[in-house]
Amino acid sequence: MNRFISYEGLPINSGGAHTVSRKSPKVNYEQILNFLSLFANKTQPKSIELTLYESEKKEYSALKLLPKLTLKFGIPKTRNDGWLRTWTWNLTEKNIESGFETLELNNELPKNPAGPISLSFHWNFHFKDPNTNQVLPNQELIPELDFRIKNSRIYLRLSKKSTISVWFALPFEKVEKYESEFINDLKSNLPFKTSDKHWRIWIKSEKGNWTPRKIEIKNAS
């Protein structure tokens, strides 16, 4: 493989993310599941995390919420990075509904720079053709340009303000009729508007280095 196409929205390594619609967290989650069922070879998340954040201005007590959440989900992982102390639980798929019920506590809590409670999902997958249900070939040949990012990736963070970060790696060496139709179909099924500025074609040099070049994805006619 000497070329592939990517979409990074917005750059994961800069901490950026698209803001998801103001629909309920459950609706945004279900929209991602619908997208994955159409375009991905798997819909099971790699990880699910529920996180409780302390109040920056001491407007609520995270410690009062901890006993109830610990009873429900077990002992959390605690982190104190000098900003906001957090408590995080790794959930299983059978706990997802309980995670959404816990997320509703945000409706009773004041605003916070993060949280107060977030429910996050991380998926890794390969793309498939939604018409044939066949996995697109040669995705295993696409290089991993960042050890933190597997091909392909969705990170959905649901909270008072929900966001989504994606890294899409498509095994296309050109953008002709099939590729354009596939990408436009993909775009129309996402719960956010993709940025035209973040599509790239990566070209492999004779020395084995990969260089990105911006490309325009034309709307299907």
C-alpha atoms as a PDB file:
ATOM      1  CA  MET A   1       0.000   0.000   0.000  1.00  0.00           C
ATOM      2  CA  ASN A   2       1.389   3.372  -1.059  1.00  0.00           C
ATOM      3  CA  ARG A   3      -1.597   5.606  -0.339  1.00  0.00           C
ATOM      4  CA  PHE A   4      -4.565   5.836   1.984  1.00  0.00           C
ATOM      5  CA  ILE A   5      -7.185   8.441   2.952  1.00  0.00           C
ATOM      6  CA  SER A   6      -7.813   9.746   6.451  1.00  0.00           C
ATOM      7  CA  TYR A   7     -10.173  11.979   8.345  1.00  0.00           C
ATOM      8  CA  GLU A   8      -9.142  13.367  11.715  1.00  0.00           C
ATOM      9  CA  GLY A   9     -11.861  15.344  13.345  1.00  0.00           C
ATOM     10  CA  LEU A  10     -10.778  17.313  15.095  1.00  0.00           C
ATOM     11  CA  PRO A  11      -7.137  16.456  15.837  1.00  0.00           C
ATOM     12  CA  ILE A  12      -7.092  13.918  18.656  1.00  0.00           C
ATOM     13  CA  ASN A  13      -3.500  14.723  19.591  1.00  0.00           C
ATOM     14  CA  SER A  14      -4.490  18.334  20.309  1.00  0.00           C
ATOM     15  CA  GLY A  15      -7.409  17.325  22.519  1.00  0.00           C
ATOM     16  CA  GLY A  16      -9.929  18.701  20.061  1.00  0.00           C
ATOM     17  CA  ALA A  17     -13.276  17.199  19.306  1.00  0.00           C
ATOM     18  CA  HIS A  18     -16.489  17.844  17.451  1.00  0.00           C
ATOM     19  CA  THR A  19     -19.422  18.961  19.551  1.00  0.00           C
ATOM     20  CA  VAL A  20     -22.249  16.492  19.187  1.00  0.00           C
ATOM     21  CA  SER A  21     -25.850  17.618  18.741  1.00  0.00           C
ATOM     22  CA  ARG A  22     -27.825  18.790  21.754  1.00  0.00           C
ATOM     23  CA  LYS A  23     -29.973  15.701  21.650  1.00  0.00           C
ATOM     24  CA  SER A  24     -29.970  13.480  24.730  1.00  0.00           C
ATOM     25  CA  PRO A  25     -26.789  11.491  25.454  1.00  0.00           C
ATOM     26  CA  LYS A  26     -28.679   8.255  24.811  1.00  0.00           C
ATOM     27  CA  VAL A  27     -29.765   9.468  21.351  1.00  0.00           C
ATOM     28  CA  ASN A  28     -26.204  10.505  20.456  1.00  0.00           C
ATOM     29  CA  TYR A  29     -24.934   7.094  21.579  1.00  0.00           C
ATOM     30  CA  GLU A  30     -27.573   5.305  19.520  1.00  0.00           C
ATOM     31  CA  GLN A  31     -26.674   7.388  16.454  1.00  0.00           C
ATOM     32  CA  ILE A  32     -23.068   6.230  16.765  1.00  0.00           C
ATOM     33  CA  LEU A  33     -24.237   2.622  17.110  1.00  0.00           C
ATOM     34  CA  ASN A  34     -26.314   3.025  13.945  1.00  0.00           C
ATOM     35  CA  PHE A  35     -23.289   4.431  12.121  1.00  0.00           C
ATOM     36  CA  LEU A  36     -21.106   1.554  13.314  1.00  0.00           C
ATOM     37  CA  SER A  37     -23.686  -1.060  12.348  1.00  0.00           C
ATOM     38  CA  LEU A  38     -23.613   0.326   8.802  1.00  0.00           C
ATOM     39  CA  PHE A  39     -19.912   1.046   8.327  1.00  0.00           C
ATOM     40  CA  ALA A  40     -17.901  -0.915  10.911  1.00  0.00           C
ATOM     41  CA  ASN A  41     -16.998  -4.550  11.328  1.00  0.00           C
ATOM     42  CA  LYS A  42     -17.766  -4.329  15.061  1.00  0.00           C
ATOM     43  CA  THR A  43     -20.045  -2.287  17.298  1.00  0.00           C
ATOM     44  CA  GLN A  44     -18.716  -3.437  20.678  1.00  0.00           C
ATOM     45  CA  PRO A  45     -16.755  -0.690  22.438  1.00  0.00           C
ATOM     46  CA  LYS A  46     -13.137  -1.308  23.360  1.00  0.00           C
ATOM     47  CA  SER A  47     -13.704   0.527  26.635  1.00  0.00           C
ATOM     48  CA  ILE A  48     -16.490   2.251  28.578  1.00  0.00           C
ATOM     49  CA  GLU A  49     -15.696   4.689  31.368  1.00  0.00           C
ATOM     50  CA  LEU A  50     -17.856   6.542  33.864  1.00  0.00           C
ATOM     51  CA  THR A  51     -16.084   9.507  35.469  1.00  0.00           C
ATOM     52  CA  LEU A  52     -17.072  11.723  38.383  1.00  0.00           C
ATOM     53  CA  TYR A  53     -15.313  15.123  38.621  1.00  0.00           C
ATOM     54  CA  GLU A  54     -14.921  17.224  41.731  1.00  0.00           C
ATOM     55  CA  SER A  55     -16.501  20.667  41.648  1.00  0.00           C
ATOM     56  CA  GLU A  56     -14.071  23.410  40.670  1.00  0.00           C
ATOM     57  CA  LYS A  57     -15.909  25.987  42.794  1.00  0.00           C
ATOM     58  CA  LYS A  58     -17.085  23.559  45.496  1.00  0.00           C
ATOM     59  CA  GLU A  59     -20.702  23.904  44.324  1.00  0.00           C
ATOM     60  CA  TYR A  60     -21.419  20.213  44.901  1.00  0.00           C
ATOM     61  CA  SER A  61     -19.806  17.418  46.876  1.00  0.00           C
ATOM     62  CA  ALA A  62     -18.388  14.585  44.801  1.00  0.00           C
ATOM     63  CA  LEU A  63     -17.611  12.722  48.031  1.00  0.00           C
ATOM     64  CA  LYS A  64     -21.324  12.524  48.820  1.00  0.00           C
ATOM     65  CA  LEU A  65     -21.958  10.847  45.457  1.00  0.00           C
ATOM     66  CA  LEU A  66     -19.077   8.381  45.790  1.00  0.00           C
ATOM     67  CA  PRO A  67     -20.659   5.814  48.169  1.00  0.00           C
ATOM     68  CA  LYS A  68     -23.687   5.278  45.929  1.00  0.00           C
ATOM     69  CA  LEU A  69     -21.571   4.963  42.764  1.00  0.00           C
ATOM     70  CA  THR A  70     -19.037   2.697  44.469  1.00  0.00           C
ATOM     71  CA  LEU A  71     -21.830   0.427  45.673  1.00  0.00           C
ATOM     72  CA  LYS A  72     -23.140   0.210  42.105  1.00  0.00           C
ATOM     73  CA  PHE A  73     -19.906  -0.019  40.097  1.00  0.00           C
ATOM     74  CA  GLY A  74     -17.154  -1.027  42.542  1.00  0.00           C
ATOM     75  CA  ILE A  75     -13.950   0.703  43.655  1.00  0.00           C
ATOM     76  CA  PRO A  76     -13.030   3.534  41.250  1.00  0.00           C
ATOM     77  CA  LYS A  77      -9.652   4.589  39.948  1.00  0.00           C
ATOM     78  CA  THR A  78      -8.764   7.946  41.548  1.00  0.00           C
ATOM     79  CA  ARG A  79      -6.702  10.613  39.839  1.00  0.00           C
ATOM     80  CA  ASN A  80      -5.493  13.998  41.023  1.00  0.00           C
ATOM     81  CA  ASP A  81      -3.542  15.861  38.351  1.00  0.00           C
ATOM     82  CA  GLY A  82      -3.609  19.209  40.110  1.00  0.00           C
ATOM     83  CA  TRP A  83      -6.709  20.416  38.273  1.00  0.00           C
ATOM     84  CA  LEU A  84      -9.849  18.506  39.166  1.00  0.00           C
ATOM     85  CA  ARG A  85      -9.777  15.284  41.132  1.00  0.00           C
ATOM     86  CA  THR A  86     -11.600  12.457  39.343  1.00  0.00           C
ATOM     87  CA  TRP A  87     -12.991   9.016  40.097  1.00  0.00           C
ATOM     88  CA  THR A  88     -13.322   6.629  37.146  1.00  0.00           C
ATOM     89  CA  TRP A  89     -15.077   3.275  36.769  1.00  0.00           C
ATOM     90  CA  ASN A  90     -14.483   0.867  33.888  1.00  0.00           C
ATOM     91  CA  LEU A  91     -17.887  -0.437  32.856  1.00  0.00           C
ATOM     92  CA  THR A  92     -18.940  -3.536  30.952  1.00  0.00           C
ATOM     93  CA  GLU A  93     -21.646  -3.597  28.304  1.00  0.00           C
ATOM     94  CA  LYS A  94     -24.137  -4.919  30.854  1.00  0.00           C
ATOM     95  CA  ASN A  95     -23.555  -1.728  32.900  1.00  0.00           C
ATOM     96  CA  ILE A  96     -24.289   0.688  30.042  1.00  0.00           C
ATOM     97  CA  GLU A  97     -27.903   1.298  31.041  1.00  0.00           C
ATOM     98  CA  SER A  98     -26.840   1.965  34.640  1.00  0.00           C
ATOM     99  CA  GLY A  99     -24.211   4.333  33.271  1.00  0.00           C
ATOM    100  CA  PHE A 100     -26.859   6.339  31.431  1.00  0.00           C
ATOM    101  CA  GLU A 101     -29.033   6.423  34.559  1.00  0.00           C
ATOM    102  CA  THR A 102     -26.067   7.821  36.512  1.00  0.00           C
ATOM    103  CA  LEU A 103     -25.419  10.384  33.779  1.00  0.00           C
ATOM    104  CA  GLU A 104     -28.876  11.834  34.452  1.00  0.00           C
ATOM    105  CA  LEU A 105     -27.531  13.161  37.768  1.00  0.00           C
ATOM    106  CA  ASN A 106     -25.964  15.932  35.655  1.00  0.00           C
ATOM    107  CA  ASN A 107     -29.444  17.418  35.377  1.00  0.00           C
ATOM    108  CA  GLU A 108     -29.401  18.053  39.141  1.00  0.00           C
ATOM    109  CA  LEU A 109     -25.792  19.303  39.378  1.00  0.00           C
ATOM    110  CA  PRO A 110     -24.330  22.727  38.524  1.00  0.00           C
ATOM    111  CA  LYS A 111     -22.024  23.348  35.583  1.00  0.00           C
ATOM    112  CA  ASN A 112     -18.374  22.373  35.850  1.00  0.00           C
ATOM    113  CA  PRO A 113     -15.384  22.704  33.474  1.00  0.00           C
ATOM    114  CA  ALA A 114     -15.643  18.925  33.047  1.00  0.00           C
ATOM    115  CA  GLY A 115     -18.498  16.613  33.925  1.00  0.00           C
ATOM    116  CA  PRO A 116     -19.781  16.772  36.613  1.00  0.00           C
ATOM    117  CA  ILE A 117     -20.280  13.193  35.366  1.00  0.00           C
ATOM    118  CA  SER A 118     -19.235  11.819  31.985  1.00  0.00           C
ATOM    119  CA  LEU A 119     -19.820   8.524  30.209  1.00  0.00           C
ATOM    120  CA  SER A 120     -17.230   7.724  27.546  1.00  0.00           C
ATOM    121  CA  PHE A 121     -17.048   5.087  24.820  1.00  0.00           C
ATOM    122  CA  HIS A 122     -14.004   4.129  22.756  1.00  0.00           C
ATOM    123  CA  TRP A 123     -14.337   2.032  19.607  1.00  0.00           C
ATOM    124  CA  ASN A 124     -11.694   0.582  17.265  1.00  0.00           C
ATOM    125  CA  PHE A 125     -12.843  -0.966  14.009  1.00  0.00           C
ATOM    126  CA  HIS A 126     -12.298  -1.578  10.315  1.00  0.00           C
ATOM    127  CA  PHE A 127     -14.647  -0.108   7.736  1.00  0.00           C
ATOM    128  CA  LYS A 128     -17.063  -2.204   5.729  1.00  0.00           C
ATOM    129  CA  ASP A 129     -19.178  -1.465   2.668  1.00  0.00           C
ATOM    130  CA  PRO A 130     -22.732  -0.822   3.938  1.00  0.00           C
ATOM    131  CA  ASN A 131     -24.215  -2.200   0.723  1.00  0.00           C
ATOM    132  CA  THR A 132     -22.365  -5.517   0.624  1.00  0.00           C
ATOM    133  CA  ASN A 133     -21.515  -5.843   4.332  1.00  0.00           C
ATOM    134  CA  GLN A 134     -17.975  -6.806   3.268  1.00  0.00           C
ATOM    135  CA  VAL A 135     -14.960  -5.406   5.129  1.00  0.00           C
ATOM    136  CA  LEU A 136     -12.928  -3.099   2.905  1.00  0.00           C
ATOM    137  CA  PRO A 137      -9.705  -4.895   1.916  1.00  0.00           C
ATOM    138  CA  ASN A 138      -6.134  -3.976   2.911  1.00  0.00           C
ATOM    139  CA  GLN A 139      -6.963  -2.012   6.064  1.00  0.00           C
ATOM    140  CA  GLU A 140      -4.381  -4.058   7.951  1.00  0.00           C
ATOM    141  CA  LEU A 141      -1.765  -2.528   5.605  1.00  0.00           C
ATOM    142  CA  ILE A 142      -2.540   1.055   6.652  1.00  0.00           C
ATOM    143  CA  PRO A 143       0.311   2.277   8.901  1.00  0.00           C
ATOM    144  CA  GLU A 144      -0.324   3.343  12.479  1.00  0.00           C
ATOM    145  CA  LEU A 145       0.983   6.907  12.406  1.00  0.00           C
ATOM    146  CA  ASP A 146       0.488   7.384  16.154  1.00  0.00           C
ATOM    147  CA  PHE A 147       0.860   4.502  18.616  1.00  0.00           C
ATOM    148  CA  ARG A 148      -2.066   5.953  20.600  1.00  0.00           C
ATOM    149  CA  ILE A 149      -4.454   5.748  17.659  1.00  0.00           C
ATOM    150  CA  LYS A 150      -5.468   2.440  16.117  1.00  0.00           C
ATOM    151  CA  ASN A 151      -7.124   2.372  12.680  1.00  0.00           C
ATOM    152  CA  SER A 152      -9.992   3.396  12.811  1.00  0.00           C
ATOM    153  CA  ARG A 153     -11.226   5.048  16.021  1.00  0.00           C
ATOM    154  CA  ILE A 154     -14.215   6.814  17.600  1.00  0.00           C
ATOM    155  CA  TYR A 155     -14.139   8.371  21.055  1.00  0.00           C
ATOM    156  CA  LEU A 156     -17.535   9.549  22.287  1.00  0.00           C
ATOM    157  CA  ARG A 157     -17.707  11.519  25.526  1.00  0.00           C
ATOM    158  CA  LEU A 158     -21.216  12.134  26.860  1.00  0.00           C
ATOM    159  CA  SER A 159     -21.789  14.789  29.503  1.00  0.00           C
ATOM    160  CA  LYS A 160     -23.503  18.166  29.848  1.00  0.00           C
ATOM    161  CA  LYS A 161     -21.521  19.037  26.735  1.00  0.00           C
ATOM    162  CA  SER A 162     -20.987  15.943  24.592  1.00  0.00           C
ATOM    163  CA  THR A 163     -18.077  15.624  22.167  1.00  0.00           C
ATOM    164  CA  ILE A 164     -16.690  13.140  19.687  1.00  0.00           C
ATOM    165  CA  SER A 165     -13.168  12.604  18.357  1.00  0.00           C
ATOM    166  CA  VAL A 166     -12.563  10.386  15.341  1.00  0.00           C
ATOM    167  CA  TRP A 167      -9.689   9.030  13.312  1.00  0.00           C
ATOM    168  CA  PHE A 168     -10.839   7.353  10.112  1.00  0.00           C
ATOM    169  CA  ALA A 169      -8.315   5.446   7.970  1.00  0.00           C
ATOM    170  CA  LEU A 170      -9.708   4.322   4.616  1.00  0.00           C
ATOM    171  CA  PRO A 171      -7.788   1.995   2.257  1.00  0.00           C
ATOM    172  CA  PHE A 172      -8.458   4.180  -0.793  1.00  0.00           C
ATOM    173  CA  GLU A 173      -5.560   5.169  -3.045  1.00  0.00           C
ATOM    174  CA  LYS A 174      -7.708   7.531  -5.121  1.00  0.00           C
ATOM    175  CA  VAL A 175     -11.014   9.367  -4.973  1.00  0.00           C
ATOM    176  CA  GLU A 176     -13.208   8.360  -7.867  1.00  0.00           C
ATOM    177  CA  LYS A 177     -16.910   7.499  -8.117  1.00  0.00           C
ATOM    178  CA  TYR A 178     -17.003   4.604  -5.627  1.00  0.00           C
ATOM    179  CA  GLU A 179     -14.742   6.310  -3.090  1.00  0.00           C
ATOM    180  CA  SER A 180     -16.655   9.612  -3.286  1.00  0.00           C
ATOM    181  CA  GLU A 181     -20.014   7.868  -2.876  1.00  0.00           C
ATOM    182  CA  PHE A 182     -18.705   5.836   0.074  1.00  0.00           C
ATOM    183  CA  ILE A 183     -17.302   8.888   1.868  1.00  0.00           C
ATOM    184  CA  ASN A 184     -20.400  11.011   1.251  1.00  0.00           C
ATOM    185  CA  ASP A 185     -22.604   8.196   2.540  1.00  0.00           C
ATOM    186  CA  LEU A 186     -20.346   7.934   5.591  1.00  0.00           C
ATOM    187  CA  LYS A 187     -20.573  11.701   6.221  1.00  0.00           C
ATOM    188  CA  SER A 188     -24.369  11.720   5.980  1.00  0.00           C
ATOM    189  CA  ASN A 189     -24.666   9.049   8.685  1.00  0.00           C
ATOM    190  CA  LEU A 190     -22.511  10.761  11.303  1.00  0.00           C
ATOM    191  CA  PRO A 191     -24.154  12.733  14.148  1.00  0.00           C
ATOM    192  CA  PHE A 192     -21.868  15.707  13.467  1.00  0.00           C
ATOM    193  CA  LYS A 193     -20.794  17.726  10.448  1.00  0.00           C
ATOM    194  CA  THR A 194     -17.352  16.777   9.197  1.00  0.00           C
ATOM    195  CA  SER A 195     -14.843  19.491   8.358  1.00  0.00           C
ATOM    196  CA  ASP A 196     -13.785  19.669   4.703  1.00  0.00           C
ATOM    197  CA  LYS A 197     -10.354  20.848   5.894  1.00  0.00           C
ATOM    198  CA  HIS A 198      -9.461  17.593   7.639  1.00  0.00           C
ATOM    199  CA  TRP A 199      -9.541  15.055   4.812  1.00  0.00           C
ATOM    200  CA  ARG A 200      -6.065  13.873   3.752  1.00  0.00           C
ATOM    201  CA  ILE A 201      -4.472  11.504   1.315  1.00  0.00           C
ATOM    202  CA  TRP A 202      -1.246  10.030   2.659  1.00  0.00           C
ATOM    203  CA  ILE A 203       1.474   9.192   0.146  1.00  0.00           C
ATOM    204  CA  LYS A 204       4.399   6.890   0.863  1.00  0.00           C
ATOM    205  CA  SER A 205       7.796   8.069  -0.339  1.00  0.00           C
ATOM    206  CA  GLU A 206      10.545   5.877  -1.767  1.00  0.00           C
ATOM    207  CA  LYS A 207      12.235   6.072   1.645  1.00  0.00           C
ATOM    208  CA  GLY A 208       9.102   4.780   3.367  1.00  0.00           C
ATOM    209  CA  ASN A 209       7.956   8.088   4.872  1.00  0.00           C
ATOM    210  CA  TRP A 210       4.286   9.058   4.819  1.00  0.00           C
ATOM    211  CA  THR A 211       3.321  12.607   3.801  1.00  0.00           C
ATOM    212  CA  PRO A 212      -0.259  13.993   3.995  1.00  0.00           C
ATOM    213  CA  ARG A 213      -1.888  16.185   1.378  1.00  0.00           C
ATOM    214  CA  LYS A 214      -5.256  17.903   1.719  1.00  0.00           C
ATOM    215  CA  ILE A 215      -7.955  16.617  -0.604  1.00  0.00           C
ATOM    216  CA  GLU A 216     -11.439  17.752  -1.511  1.00  0.00           C
ATOM    217  CA  ILE A 217     -14.262  15.275  -1.174  1.00  0.00           C
ATOM    218  CA  LYS A 218     -16.859  16.308  -3.719  1.00  0.00           C
ATOM    219  CA  ASN A 219     -20.509  15.793  -2.949  1.00  0.00           C
ATOM    220  CA  ALA A 220     -22.056  12.900  -4.805  1.00  0.00           C
ATOM    221  CA  SER A 221     -24.105  14.008  -7.786  1.00  0.00           C
END
